[in-house]
Protein backbone atom coordinates (compact mmCIF):
# COMPACT_ATOMS: atom_id res chain seq x y z
CA MET A 1 95.67 92.09 0.31
CA THR A 2 95.46 88.75 -1.80
CA VAL A 3 93.55 85.85 -0.12
CA GLU A 4 97.05 84.01 0.41
CA GLU A 5 98.25 86.99 2.55
CA ALA A 6 94.97 87.19 3.85
CA ILE A 7 95.05 83.49 5.43
CA ALA A 8 98.78 83.36 6.14
CA LEU A 9 97.80 86.47 8.80
CA VAL A 10 94.82 84.38 10.22
CA GLU A 11 96.89 81.55 10.83
CA ARG A 12 99.38 84.03 12.96
CA LEU A 13 96.71 85.41 14.70
CA LEU A 14 95.26 82.36 15.76
CA GLN A 15 98.59 80.23 16.34
CA ARG A 16 97.18 76.99 15.56
CA GLY A 17 99.11 76.24 12.36
CA ARG A 18 97.32 76.01 9.03
CA LEU A 19 93.72 76.13 8.63
CA THR A 20 91.74 73.06 8.54
CA ARG A 21 90.66 71.97 4.98
CA ALA A 22 86.97 73.15 5.54
CA GLN A 23 88.11 76.23 7.13
CA GLU A 24 90.14 77.22 4.54
CA ILE A 25 87.16 76.35 2.04
CA VAL A 26 85.38 78.95 3.89
CA PHE A 27 87.65 81.52 4.08
CA ARG A 28 88.67 81.70 0.40
CA TYR A 29 84.53 81.62 -0.60
CA THR A 30 84.01 84.25 1.91
CA TRP A 31 86.65 86.76 0.62
CA GLU A 32 85.30 85.87 -3.00
CA GLY A 33 82.22 87.21 -1.43
CA LYS A 34 79.84 84.11 -1.87
CA THR A 35 77.24 82.59 0.36
CA TYR A 36 77.49 79.51 2.73
CA LEU A 37 75.03 78.04 0.10
CA GLU A 38 77.40 78.87 -3.04
CA MET A 39 79.95 77.45 -0.96
CA ALA A 40 77.98 74.34 -0.32
CA ARG A 41 76.77 74.03 -4.17
CA GLU A 42 80.85 73.94 -4.89
CA VAL A 43 81.84 71.30 -2.50
CA THR A 44 80.84 68.38 -1.16
CA TYR A 45 80.41 69.84 2.55
CA ASP A 46 76.62 70.01 4.20
CA PRO A 47 75.39 73.53 3.75
CA GLY A 48 74.66 73.55 7.83
CA HIS A 49 78.17 72.10 8.13
CA ILE A 50 79.99 74.85 6.09
CA LYS A 51 77.80 77.46 8.04
CA ASP A 52 78.98 76.02 11.53
CA VAL A 53 82.82 76.05 10.22
CA GLY A 54 82.36 79.41 9.17
CA SER A 55 80.83 80.86 12.60
CA GLN A 56 83.20 78.81 14.67
CA LEU A 57 86.02 80.52 12.72
CA TRP A 58 85.13 84.06 13.09
CA ARG A 59 84.56 83.83 17.04
CA SER A 60 87.86 82.57 16.89
CA LEU A 61 88.99 85.62 15.32
CA SER A 62 86.98 87.61 17.01
CA GLN A 63 88.08 86.10 19.83
CA ALA A 64 92.00 87.17 18.67
CA LEU A 65 91.87 90.41 17.66
CA ASP A 66 89.37 91.24 20.60
CA GLU A 67 86.81 93.09 17.99
CA LYS A 68 83.87 91.38 16.18
CA VAL A 69 84.45 89.86 13.20
CA THR A 70 81.84 88.38 10.43
CA LYS A 71 81.57 87.80 6.62
CA ASN A 72 80.49 91.37 5.92
CA ASN A 73 83.32 93.17 7.50
CA LEU A 74 86.37 90.36 7.40
CA HIS A 75 88.25 92.70 4.82
CA GLY A 76 88.20 95.83 6.27
CA VAL A 77 89.48 94.07 9.89
CA LEU A 78 92.18 92.03 8.20
CA LYS A 79 93.08 94.99 6.06
CA ARG A 80 93.43 97.45 9.22
CA THR A 81 95.30 94.57 11.15
CA THR A 82 97.82 94.51 8.32
CA GLN A 83 98.18 98.47 9.09
CA GLN A 84 98.79 98.04 12.45
CA GLN A 85 101.10 95.61 11.99
CA ASN A 86 102.95 98.07 10.00
CA GLY A 87 102.96 100.97 12.13
CA ILE A 88 100.77 102.61 10.64
CA ASN A 89 97.82 104.54 12.24
CA ALA A 90 94.44 103.36 10.84
CA SER A 91 92.40 106.17 12.05
CA SER A 92 94.57 108.44 10.50
CA ILE A 93 93.95 107.41 6.92
CA SER A 94 90.37 106.61 7.78
CA HIS A 95 88.17 110.00 7.82
CA ALA A 96 84.28 109.73 8.38
CA ASP A 97 82.25 112.93 8.33
CA TRP A 98 78.50 111.49 9.27
CA GLY A 99 76.78 114.89 9.01
CA GLU A 100 73.48 114.66 10.29
CA ALA A 101 73.52 111.07 9.94
CA ILE A 102 70.86 108.75 12.48
CA ASP A 103 71.85 106.46 15.45
CA VAL A 104 71.33 102.99 14.28
CA SER A 105 72.60 101.06 17.52
CA LEU A 106 69.24 99.43 17.41
CA PHE A 107 68.97 97.85 13.79
CA TYR A 108 67.16 94.88 12.88
CA GLY A 109 67.19 92.56 9.87
CA ARG A 110 68.64 93.71 6.25
CA THR A 111 71.10 91.05 6.97
CA THR A 112 70.63 89.93 2.74
CA GLU A 113 70.40 93.78 1.79
CA LEU A 114 73.70 94.59 3.49
CA GLU A 115 75.38 91.44 1.93
CA THR A 116 74.32 92.21 -1.39
CA LEU A 117 75.42 95.88 -1.14
CA SER A 118 78.63 95.10 0.34
CA GLN A 119 79.20 92.30 -2.52
CA TRP A 120 78.46 95.48 -4.80
CA ILE A 121 80.88 98.24 -3.18
CA VAL A 122 83.42 95.84 -2.08
CA ARG A 123 84.07 92.19 -2.92
CA ASP A 124 83.33 92.31 -6.18
CA ALA A 125 86.05 94.87 -6.51
CA CYS A 126 88.78 92.59 -4.87
CA GLY A 127 86.93 89.56 -6.63
CA GLY A 128 88.38 91.24 -10.09
CA LYS A 129 84.90 92.52 -11.19
CA GLN A 130 83.44 95.29 -12.30
CA ARG A 131 83.67 98.01 -9.24
CA THR A 132 80.23 99.40 -8.61
CA ARG A 133 80.53 103.32 -8.50
CA LEU A 134 77.16 104.36 -8.16
CA VAL A 135 74.38 102.69 -6.31
CA ALA A 136 70.89 104.10 -5.67
CA LEU A 137 69.01 102.65 -2.76
CA LEU A 138 65.25 102.69 -3.23
CA GLY A 139 62.14 102.15 -1.30
CA MET A 140 58.76 104.29 -0.27
CA GLY A 141 58.67 106.36 2.33
CA GLY A 142 59.40 105.16 6.00
CA MET A 143 61.00 101.87 4.57
CA GLY A 144 64.30 102.36 6.56
CA LYS A 145 66.50 103.51 3.44
CA THR A 146 68.45 106.17 5.71
CA ALA A 147 69.18 103.39 8.67
CA LEU A 148 70.30 101.04 5.96
CA SER A 149 72.42 103.55 4.38
CA VAL A 150 73.96 103.97 7.64
CA LYS A 151 74.48 100.87 8.99
CA LEU A 152 76.34 100.03 5.58
CA ALA A 153 78.57 102.86 5.86
CA GLU A 154 79.59 101.71 9.29
CA GLN A 155 80.54 98.24 8.59
CA LEU A 156 82.32 99.69 5.37
CA GLN A 157 84.12 101.90 7.03
CA THR A 158 87.68 100.85 7.12
CA GLU A 159 87.32 99.90 3.86
CA PHE A 160 87.71 103.27 2.44
CA GLU A 161 89.79 106.35 2.95
CA TYR A 162 86.63 108.63 3.20
CA VAL A 163 83.33 108.13 4.07
CA ILE A 164 81.10 110.94 3.95
CA TRP A 165 77.06 110.75 4.82
CA ARG A 166 75.11 113.52 3.89
CA SER A 167 71.24 114.57 4.06
CA LEU A 168 70.17 116.17 1.07
CA ARG A 169 66.26 116.43 2.86
CA HIS A 170 66.41 120.39 2.69
CA ALA A 171 67.09 120.07 -0.95
CA PRO A 172 70.86 122.05 -0.47
CA LEU A 173 71.87 124.23 -3.98
CA PHE A 174 74.32 122.04 -5.48
CA ASN A 175 77.57 124.46 -5.18
CA GLU A 176 76.93 124.41 -1.43
CA LYS A 177 77.03 120.32 -1.38
CA LEU A 178 79.96 119.99 -3.40
CA THR A 179 82.18 122.44 -1.87
CA GLU A 180 81.57 120.59 1.48
CA CYS A 181 82.77 116.88 0.35
CA ILE A 182 85.72 118.52 -1.63
CA LYS A 183 86.47 120.19 1.77
CA ILE A 184 86.50 117.13 3.40
CA LEU A 185 88.48 115.38 0.60
CA SER A 186 91.19 118.10 0.16
CA CYS A 187 91.58 118.01 4.30
CA GLN A 188 90.50 121.87 4.35
CA GLN A 189 93.23 122.69 1.28
CA VAL A 190 90.25 123.39 -0.96
CA ILE A 191 87.46 126.07 0.05
CA THR A 192 86.43 127.67 -3.31
CA LEU A 193 85.37 125.67 -6.16
CA PRO A 194 85.10 127.36 -10.15
CA PRO A 195 81.79 128.64 -10.67
CA ASP A 196 80.94 126.61 -13.15
CA PRO A 197 78.97 123.27 -12.00
CA HIS A 198 81.01 120.76 -14.79
CA GLU A 199 84.38 121.70 -13.40
CA GLN A 200 83.05 121.21 -9.56
CA ILE A 201 82.22 117.38 -10.98
CA SER A 202 85.68 117.13 -12.36
CA CYS A 203 87.47 118.28 -9.05
CA LEU A 204 85.47 116.09 -7.62
CA ILE A 205 86.15 113.12 -9.53
CA GLU A 206 89.79 113.65 -9.32
CA TYR A 207 89.68 113.55 -5.55
CA LEU A 208 87.31 110.13 -6.25
CA ARG A 209 90.28 108.98 -8.25
CA LYS A 210 93.10 109.68 -5.88
CA SER A 211 91.60 108.46 -2.19
CA ARG A 212 88.87 105.36 -2.34
CA CYS A 213 86.05 107.45 -0.63
CA LEU A 214 82.16 106.06 0.10
CA LEU A 215 79.66 109.24 -0.44
CA ILE A 216 76.23 108.77 0.47
CA LEU A 217 73.64 111.32 -0.53
CA ASP A 218 70.44 110.54 1.71
CA ASN A 219 66.79 111.61 0.56
CA PHE A 220 67.60 112.30 -3.16
CA ASP A 221 63.98 112.37 -4.11
CA THR A 222 64.19 115.89 -2.45
CA LEU A 223 65.82 117.00 -5.55
CA LEU A 224 63.02 115.93 -8.22
CA GLN A 225 60.33 117.49 -9.15
CA HIS A 226 56.74 116.67 -7.98
CA GLY A 227 53.81 115.96 -10.10
CA LYS A 228 56.07 115.62 -13.42
CA HIS A 229 57.77 112.32 -14.90
CA THR A 230 59.81 110.34 -12.70
CA GLY A 231 63.20 111.16 -12.15
CA CYS A 232 63.16 114.96 -13.45
CA TYR A 233 64.74 117.74 -11.32
CA ARG A 234 63.56 120.72 -9.86
CA GLU A 235 64.84 123.89 -11.51
CA GLY A 236 68.13 124.91 -10.25
CA TYR A 237 68.88 121.34 -9.43
CA GLU A 238 70.31 119.66 -13.03
CA SER A 239 73.54 119.41 -12.23
CA TYR A 240 72.94 117.00 -9.38
CA GLY A 241 71.87 115.01 -12.38
CA GLU A 242 74.90 115.26 -14.17
CA LEU A 243 76.73 114.69 -10.83
CA LEU A 244 75.07 111.03 -10.94
CA TRP A 245 75.87 110.68 -15.18
CA ARG A 246 79.68 111.41 -14.49
CA SER A 247 80.33 109.48 -11.49
CA GLY A 248 78.76 106.55 -13.07
CA GLU A 249 80.62 106.61 -16.39
CA THR A 250 83.95 107.84 -15.18
CA SER A 251 86.60 105.23 -14.16
CA HIS A 252 87.82 106.21 -10.05
CA GLN A 253 88.14 103.75 -7.11
CA SER A 254 84.95 104.86 -4.93
CA CYS A 255 81.55 104.81 -4.50
CA ILE A 256 78.76 107.28 -4.45
CA MET A 257 75.33 105.91 -2.98
CA LEU A 258 72.09 107.59 -2.94
CA THR A 259 69.00 106.92 -1.10
CA SER A 260 65.32 107.83 -2.60
CA ARG A 261 62.05 107.39 -3.15
CA GLU A 262 62.21 107.52 -7.02
CA LYS A 263 64.68 106.57 -8.98
CA PRO A 264 66.68 109.36 -11.39
CA ALA A 265 66.83 109.36 -14.71
CA GLU A 266 70.70 108.63 -15.13
CA ILE A 267 70.43 105.51 -12.75
CA ALA A 268 67.95 104.03 -14.93
CA ALA A 269 69.72 104.64 -17.97
CA LEU A 270 73.34 103.18 -16.44
CA GLU A 271 72.37 100.56 -14.17
CA GLY A 272 72.87 96.93 -15.18
CA ASP A 273 73.73 93.79 -13.53
CA GLY A 274 77.53 93.28 -14.05
CA LEU A 275 77.73 97.33 -14.82
CA PRO A 276 79.42 99.43 -12.27
CA VAL A 277 75.87 101.42 -11.60
CA ARG A 278 73.69 99.08 -9.42
CA THR A 279 70.07 99.30 -8.23
CA LEU A 280 68.70 97.90 -5.05
CA THR A 281 64.85 98.56 -4.08
CA LEU A 282 64.16 97.73 -0.98
CA SER A 283 61.00 95.93 0.34
CA GLY A 284 59.29 95.65 4.05
CA LEU A 285 61.46 93.78 6.41
CA GLU A 286 61.31 89.71 6.85
CA VAL A 287 58.54 88.95 9.85
CA ARG A 288 61.03 88.38 12.65
CA ALA A 289 62.49 91.70 12.25
CA GLY A 290 59.28 93.22 12.44
CA GLN A 291 57.96 91.50 15.33
CA THR A 292 61.11 92.49 17.26
CA ILE A 293 59.84 96.10 16.16
CA LEU A 294 56.40 95.23 17.53
CA ALA A 295 58.18 93.78 20.71
CA LEU A 296 60.12 97.00 21.65
CA LYS A 297 56.89 98.84 21.12
CA GLY A 298 55.80 97.05 24.30
CA LEU A 299 52.99 95.32 21.73
CA SER A 300 52.46 91.29 22.51
CA GLY A 301 50.96 88.62 20.49
CA ASN A 302 50.97 85.28 19.56
CA GLU A 303 52.64 84.08 16.45
CA ASP A 304 50.40 84.13 14.10
CA GLU A 305 49.13 87.68 14.86
CA THR A 306 52.43 89.49 15.18
CA ARG A 307 52.93 87.42 11.98
CA GLN A 308 49.72 88.93 10.11
CA LEU A 309 49.95 92.74 11.75
CA VAL A 310 54.06 92.77 9.86
CA GLU A 311 52.60 91.14 6.53
CA CYS A 312 49.38 94.12 6.89
CA TYR A 313 51.96 96.77 6.84
CA ARG A 314 54.32 95.09 4.39
CA GLY A 315 57.05 94.90 6.73
CA ASN A 316 57.16 98.73 6.77
CA PRO A 317 59.32 99.67 9.90
CA LEU A 318 57.74 103.08 10.58
CA ALA A 319 54.02 101.86 9.65
CA LEU A 320 54.83 99.11 11.96
CA LYS A 321 56.37 101.43 14.83
CA ILE A 322 52.72 103.77 14.19
CA ALA A 323 50.66 100.46 14.50
CA ALA A 324 52.14 99.00 17.16
CA THR A 325 51.20 102.44 19.16
CA SER A 326 47.67 102.08 17.38
CA VAL A 327 46.83 99.10 18.82
CA ARG A 328 47.94 99.43 21.98
CA ASP A 329 46.53 102.62 22.27
CA LEU A 330 43.02 102.19 20.30
CA TYR A 331 42.99 98.41 21.43
CA GLN A 332 44.66 97.88 24.69
CA GLY A 333 47.66 95.81 22.79
CA ASN A 334 44.38 93.11 21.51
CA ILE A 335 45.77 92.37 17.94
CA ALA A 336 42.85 90.15 17.34
CA ARG A 337 40.20 92.84 18.17
CA PHE A 338 42.43 95.09 16.22
CA PHE A 339 41.65 93.28 13.08
CA ALA A 340 38.06 92.04 13.95
CA GLU A 341 36.93 95.51 13.96
CA GLY A 342 38.19 96.26 10.40
CA THR A 343 41.13 98.24 11.11
CA THR A 344 42.98 96.75 8.61
CA VAL A 345 41.22 99.04 5.81
CA PHE A 346 43.88 101.82 6.40
CA ASN A 347 46.84 99.45 5.88
CA GLY A 348 48.50 101.99 3.56
CA ILE A 349 50.60 104.34 5.82
CA GLY A 350 48.73 107.48 4.31
CA ASN A 351 45.77 106.16 6.21
CA LEU A 352 47.83 104.50 9.06
CA LEU A 353 48.96 108.45 9.78
CA GLU A 354 45.56 110.04 9.37
CA GLN A 355 44.46 107.10 11.82
CA GLN A 356 46.99 108.49 14.70
CA PHE A 357 47.35 112.12 13.77
CA GLN A 358 43.37 112.51 14.42
CA ARG A 359 43.89 111.12 17.82
CA LEU A 360 46.29 113.97 18.61
CA SER A 361 45.30 116.43 20.95
CA THR A 362 44.83 120.32 19.92
CA SER A 363 48.45 120.84 21.70
CA GLU A 364 50.04 117.80 19.75
CA GLN A 365 48.70 118.69 16.69
CA GLN A 366 50.05 122.08 17.07
CA VAL A 367 53.24 120.96 17.51
CA MET A 368 53.10 118.58 14.85
CA TYR A 369 52.28 121.37 12.18
CA TRP A 370 54.93 123.92 13.33
CA LEU A 371 57.70 120.54 13.30
CA ALA A 372 56.43 120.30 9.33
CA ILE A 373 56.56 124.10 8.79
CA ASN A 374 60.21 124.31 10.29
CA ARG A 375 61.41 121.53 8.06
CA GLU A 376 64.42 120.81 10.08
CA ALA A 377 65.47 119.84 13.57
CA VAL A 378 64.27 122.48 15.82
CA SER A 379 64.90 122.98 20.13
CA PRO A 380 62.24 123.02 22.66
CA ALA A 381 63.47 126.40 23.61
CA GLU A 382 63.02 127.69 19.60
CA LEU A 383 59.76 125.89 19.36
CA GLN A 384 58.37 127.32 22.34
CA THR A 385 58.51 130.97 20.79
CA TYR A 386 56.56 129.99 17.92
CA LEU A 387 53.80 128.92 19.63
CA ALA A 388 50.40 131.09 19.47
CA PRO A 389 48.51 130.95 21.98
CA ALA A 390 52.00 129.91 24.12
CA LEU A 391 52.39 126.49 25.88
CA PRO A 392 53.87 126.20 28.97
CA LYS A 393 57.50 124.68 29.09
CA PRO A 394 56.32 121.66 31.01
CA LYS A 395 53.53 121.22 28.81
CA LEU A 396 55.49 121.31 25.63
CA ILE A 397 58.05 118.86 27.38
CA GLU A 398 55.25 116.85 28.32
CA VAL A 399 53.60 117.24 24.31
CA LEU A 400 56.94 116.39 22.43
CA GLU A 401 57.45 113.05 24.62
CA SER A 402 54.10 111.75 24.03
CA LEU A 403 54.48 112.09 19.97
CA CYS A 404 58.46 110.44 20.05
CA CYS A 405 56.31 107.75 22.36
CA ARG A 406 53.80 107.51 19.21
CA SER A 407 56.71 107.17 16.34
CA LEU A 408 55.68 110.57 14.88
CA ILE A 409 58.84 112.75 15.62
CA GLU A 410 62.14 112.04 16.79
CA SER A 411 65.20 113.50 18.56
CA ASN A 412 68.80 114.09 17.46
CA THR A 413 71.22 116.91 19.05
CA ALA A 414 69.56 119.59 17.31
CA GLY A 415 66.35 119.09 18.85
CA PHE A 416 62.90 117.52 17.40
CA THR A 417 61.94 116.78 13.92
CA GLN A 418 60.13 114.58 11.72
CA GLN A 419 60.61 111.54 9.66
CA PRO A 420 60.19 112.72 5.83
CA VAL A 421 57.01 110.52 5.53
CA VAL A 422 55.69 112.23 8.58
CA MET A 423 56.56 115.78 7.57
CA GLU A 424 54.92 115.37 4.01
CA TYR A 425 51.94 113.72 5.35
CA VAL A 426 51.36 116.45 8.44
CA THR A 427 52.55 119.06 5.43
CA ASP A 428 49.62 118.02 3.24
CA CYS A 429 47.38 117.84 5.94
CA LEU A 430 48.16 121.59 7.03
CA VAL A 431 47.57 122.70 3.31
CA GLU A 432 44.25 121.54 3.23
CA GLN A 433 43.37 122.71 6.63
CA ILE A 434 44.47 126.27 5.94
CA CYS A 435 42.80 126.31 2.55
CA GLN A 436 39.22 125.08 4.11
CA GLU A 437 39.71 128.31 6.74
CA ILE A 438 40.01 130.43 3.92
CA ILE A 439 37.30 129.44 1.48
CA THR A 440 35.14 129.32 4.72
CA GLU A 441 36.59 132.53 5.87
CA SER A 442 37.15 130.87 9.54
CA PRO A 443 40.62 131.00 10.27
CA ARG A 444 41.90 128.93 12.88
CA TYR A 445 45.22 127.30 12.05
CA LEU A 446 45.88 130.75 9.66
CA LEU A 447 46.07 132.76 12.67
CA THR A 448 48.23 130.07 14.84
CA HIS A 449 51.13 129.16 12.68
CA ALA A 450 53.25 130.87 10.46
CA LEU A 451 52.87 129.46 7.10
CA MET A 452 56.56 130.92 5.98
CA GLN A 453 59.12 132.50 8.97
CA ALA A 454 60.75 135.51 7.02
CA GLN A 455 63.50 134.98 9.55
CA ALA A 456 64.14 131.30 8.55
CA LYS A 457 67.19 130.29 6.79
CA ASP A 458 67.00 130.86 2.93
CA TYR A 459 66.54 127.29 1.76
CA ILE A 460 64.22 126.83 4.70
CA ARG A 461 62.23 129.82 3.51
CA ASP A 462 62.15 128.38 0.14
CA SER A 463 60.76 125.20 1.17
CA GLN A 464 57.99 126.59 3.24
CA ILE A 465 57.13 128.81 0.00
CA CYS A 466 57.31 125.70 -2.34
CA LEU A 467 55.86 123.29 -0.09
CA ILE A 468 53.17 124.95 1.75
CA VAL A 469 52.47 128.41 0.33
CA GLN A 470 52.18 127.65 -3.34
CA PRO A 471 50.36 124.58 -2.96
CA ILE A 472 47.86 126.73 -0.79
CA LEU A 473 47.53 129.07 -3.87
CA ASN A 474 46.84 126.31 -6.41
CA GLN A 475 44.63 124.93 -4.81
CA LEU A 476 42.68 127.91 -3.91
CA GLN A 477 42.29 129.04 -7.04
CA ILE A 478 41.41 125.91 -8.79
CA THR A 479 38.71 125.71 -6.09
CA LEU A 480 37.68 129.27 -6.50
CA GLY A 481 37.59 129.48 -10.19
CA SER A 482 40.72 132.44 -10.67
CA SER A 483 43.21 134.49 -8.50
CA ARG A 484 40.58 137.26 -8.99
CA GLN A 485 38.11 135.25 -6.99
CA LEU A 486 41.09 134.39 -4.73
CA GLU A 487 42.09 137.78 -4.07
CA GLN A 488 38.73 139.07 -2.86
CA LYS A 489 38.32 136.35 -0.84
CA LEU A 490 41.72 137.27 1.24
CA GLY A 491 40.90 140.78 1.08
CA ARG A 492 37.26 139.68 3.05
CA LEU A 493 39.78 137.99 5.65
CA ILE A 494 41.81 141.01 6.19
CA ASN A 495 38.84 143.19 6.79
CA LYS A 496 37.46 140.61 9.15
CA LEU A 497 40.73 140.44 10.76
CA GLN A 498 40.83 144.09 11.19
CA ASN A 499 37.36 144.34 12.86
CA GLU A 500 38.22 141.45 15.38
CA THR A 501 39.56 141.73 19.03
CA VAL A 502 43.37 142.12 19.14
CA ASP A 503 43.50 139.09 21.95
CA THR A 504 42.26 136.30 18.79
CA PHE A 505 45.09 137.49 16.46
CA GLY A 506 48.80 135.72 16.23
CA TYR A 507 50.22 135.18 12.91
CA GLY A 508 47.10 135.67 10.81
CA GLY A 509 47.98 138.96 9.04
CA GLY A 510 51.44 138.11 7.84
CA ASN A 511 50.22 134.92 6.52
CA LEU A 512 47.26 136.86 4.53
CA LEU A 513 49.55 139.67 3.30
CA ASN A 514 52.38 136.53 2.40
CA LEU A 515 49.70 135.07 0.45
CA LEU A 516 48.81 137.93 -1.20
CA GLY A 517 52.48 138.85 -2.10
CA GLN A 518 53.03 135.29 -4.01
CA LEU A 519 50.07 136.23 -6.04
CA ASP A 520 52.02 139.11 -6.98
CA ILE A 521 49.08 141.85 -5.90
CA ASP A 522 49.33 145.16 -6.51
CA PHE A 523 48.75 146.77 -3.06
CA THR A 524 47.72 150.14 -4.14
CA GLY A 525 44.63 151.20 -3.09
CA TYR A 526 44.27 148.69 -0.11
CA ASP A 527 43.87 149.78 3.32
CA PHE A 528 45.60 147.69 5.96
CA SER A 529 46.00 150.87 8.72
CA ARG A 530 43.26 149.02 10.95
CA LEU A 531 44.86 145.65 10.54
CA TYR A 532 47.04 144.93 13.87
CA ILE A 533 50.23 143.07 13.56
CA ARG A 534 51.83 141.73 17.05
CA ASP A 535 55.43 141.06 17.23
CA CYS A 536 54.98 136.89 16.25
CA ASP A 537 53.23 137.64 13.19
CA LEU A 538 56.46 140.32 11.88
CA ARG A 539 58.15 136.82 11.60
CA SER A 540 55.76 135.63 9.04
CA LEU A 541 56.02 138.71 6.85
CA ASN A 542 57.89 138.64 3.52
CA PHE A 543 60.42 141.05 4.51
CA ARG A 544 63.09 141.70 7.39
CA THR A 545 61.84 144.30 9.72
CA TYR A 546 62.81 145.28 13.22
CA ALA A 547 59.73 146.97 14.00
CA LEU A 548 58.35 146.00 17.28
CA THR A 549 55.83 147.88 18.25
CA ARG A 550 52.14 148.58 16.84
CA LYS A 551 52.53 149.65 12.93
CA THR A 552 50.09 150.03 10.11
CA ILE A 553 50.73 147.69 7.70
CA ASN A 554 51.63 150.79 5.50
CA ALA A 555 54.27 151.90 7.34
CA LEU A 556 55.52 148.57 7.86
CA TRP A 557 56.05 148.12 3.77
CA GLU A 558 58.07 151.14 3.90
CA ILE A 559 60.28 149.35 6.72
CA GLY A 560 60.58 145.99 3.97
CA LYS A 561 61.59 148.24 1.49
CA GLU A 562 64.37 149.75 3.21
């Protein structure tokens, strides 16, 4: 649709004849993606007057169409209106698959960021500029990258034939995720792909050329290696890098957006102003939006106090939610007292989470550890089966509600889980806690929590090994000096458990066996005959077994080999 066609449509909708000169100026410049300030520089009107004319025009269009019209969604609304007038059902050509996208009905600030992203993805192409094919949305944990990506997709939905939002939080294999996307783009006509990742990407790009698609990949950083040079991929995930490179280099009419805590190497190589690959790094929320979050969390204070609190946490939305809970619970909502007692020393989100975590009850910490172990949303009923010792259901619901109120967990249709930044912190705490218990030979959480779950989905179990079991072994080997010393330490703990009262056992035996198994220990000569394993213990063993009665470890081991 050209700007002249759009103006003609608007004049018909408003039934007022021609637009006024000021209205037409605002409309034309808005169509080109200019801001009100840029419009004012081009003409002799006052910026305030330009904004007032625009606001009135969007209100009139909203009334005429019976839906909200703004500068950001103008293109999409008029395009859909034209389709409807031509007898085309817009819903039949606009397909949205939201996957695990979060609810963003309550969304604050980020007006500038939404405007910038809309400019790159939609209006630059409409204005004849280079079409943006690949966008990286970067920022630290808790900054709101996920929420912004969902909000943007909602606003731009009518500009695309397909909108696909997918989370990479659990590092899905490349083939699985690409197959999933191509099934959607092919309307389920293509269900298998060639085995070669290069050919799979070629197939996807063909669909990105045929249809205008917005594909959003959230939590891309889970595919990147920790402790390595920034932007390097974990083993087996290099094909995601080729996808970025080729989608940024190859001409197509779609856009791929990723959110990440760090910049992939391909983005760094291809990005640039005026190029089809762009990067937007999120800083904190503006003060007013941050103050809104504080108010919704039930924290009141004068303008200066709330401003200081927002600035203290650099406008990080998650940090502000947690800080508001701390001030409310620890200082009865008195922000001045919060600052007077020097609490600002933990203005890093890690320290903030630490202070909040240390205040949790034993039951709350127990649940937090289990949510981190599970890695994905879990229902209360399923969570209850893991707890050792057991927690009555009413008490568990109370704990979950308390953790939600502290903004430490979130809920969706699948159950309860943690934001990635919280999950990362709690996982680190669990690793440190287990290491100390093994070093001091004083098991506690080692007995009550499975470090890995044999019956979990493969990708979850792989994550548990990679993010929990292996870090524990690595840290212990450094502390104890050698694998041999670690093996002896684990052996003494096994002997200790074999001599303890049965009631004190939970997941301890399975955890110790799995740790030894990851060390590739030769079990010949080990005597596990007196190591008692409860039913719940079997889930943490690194093999599948249906044994539900008391067995010696040697017998269980034979079952696991079958």
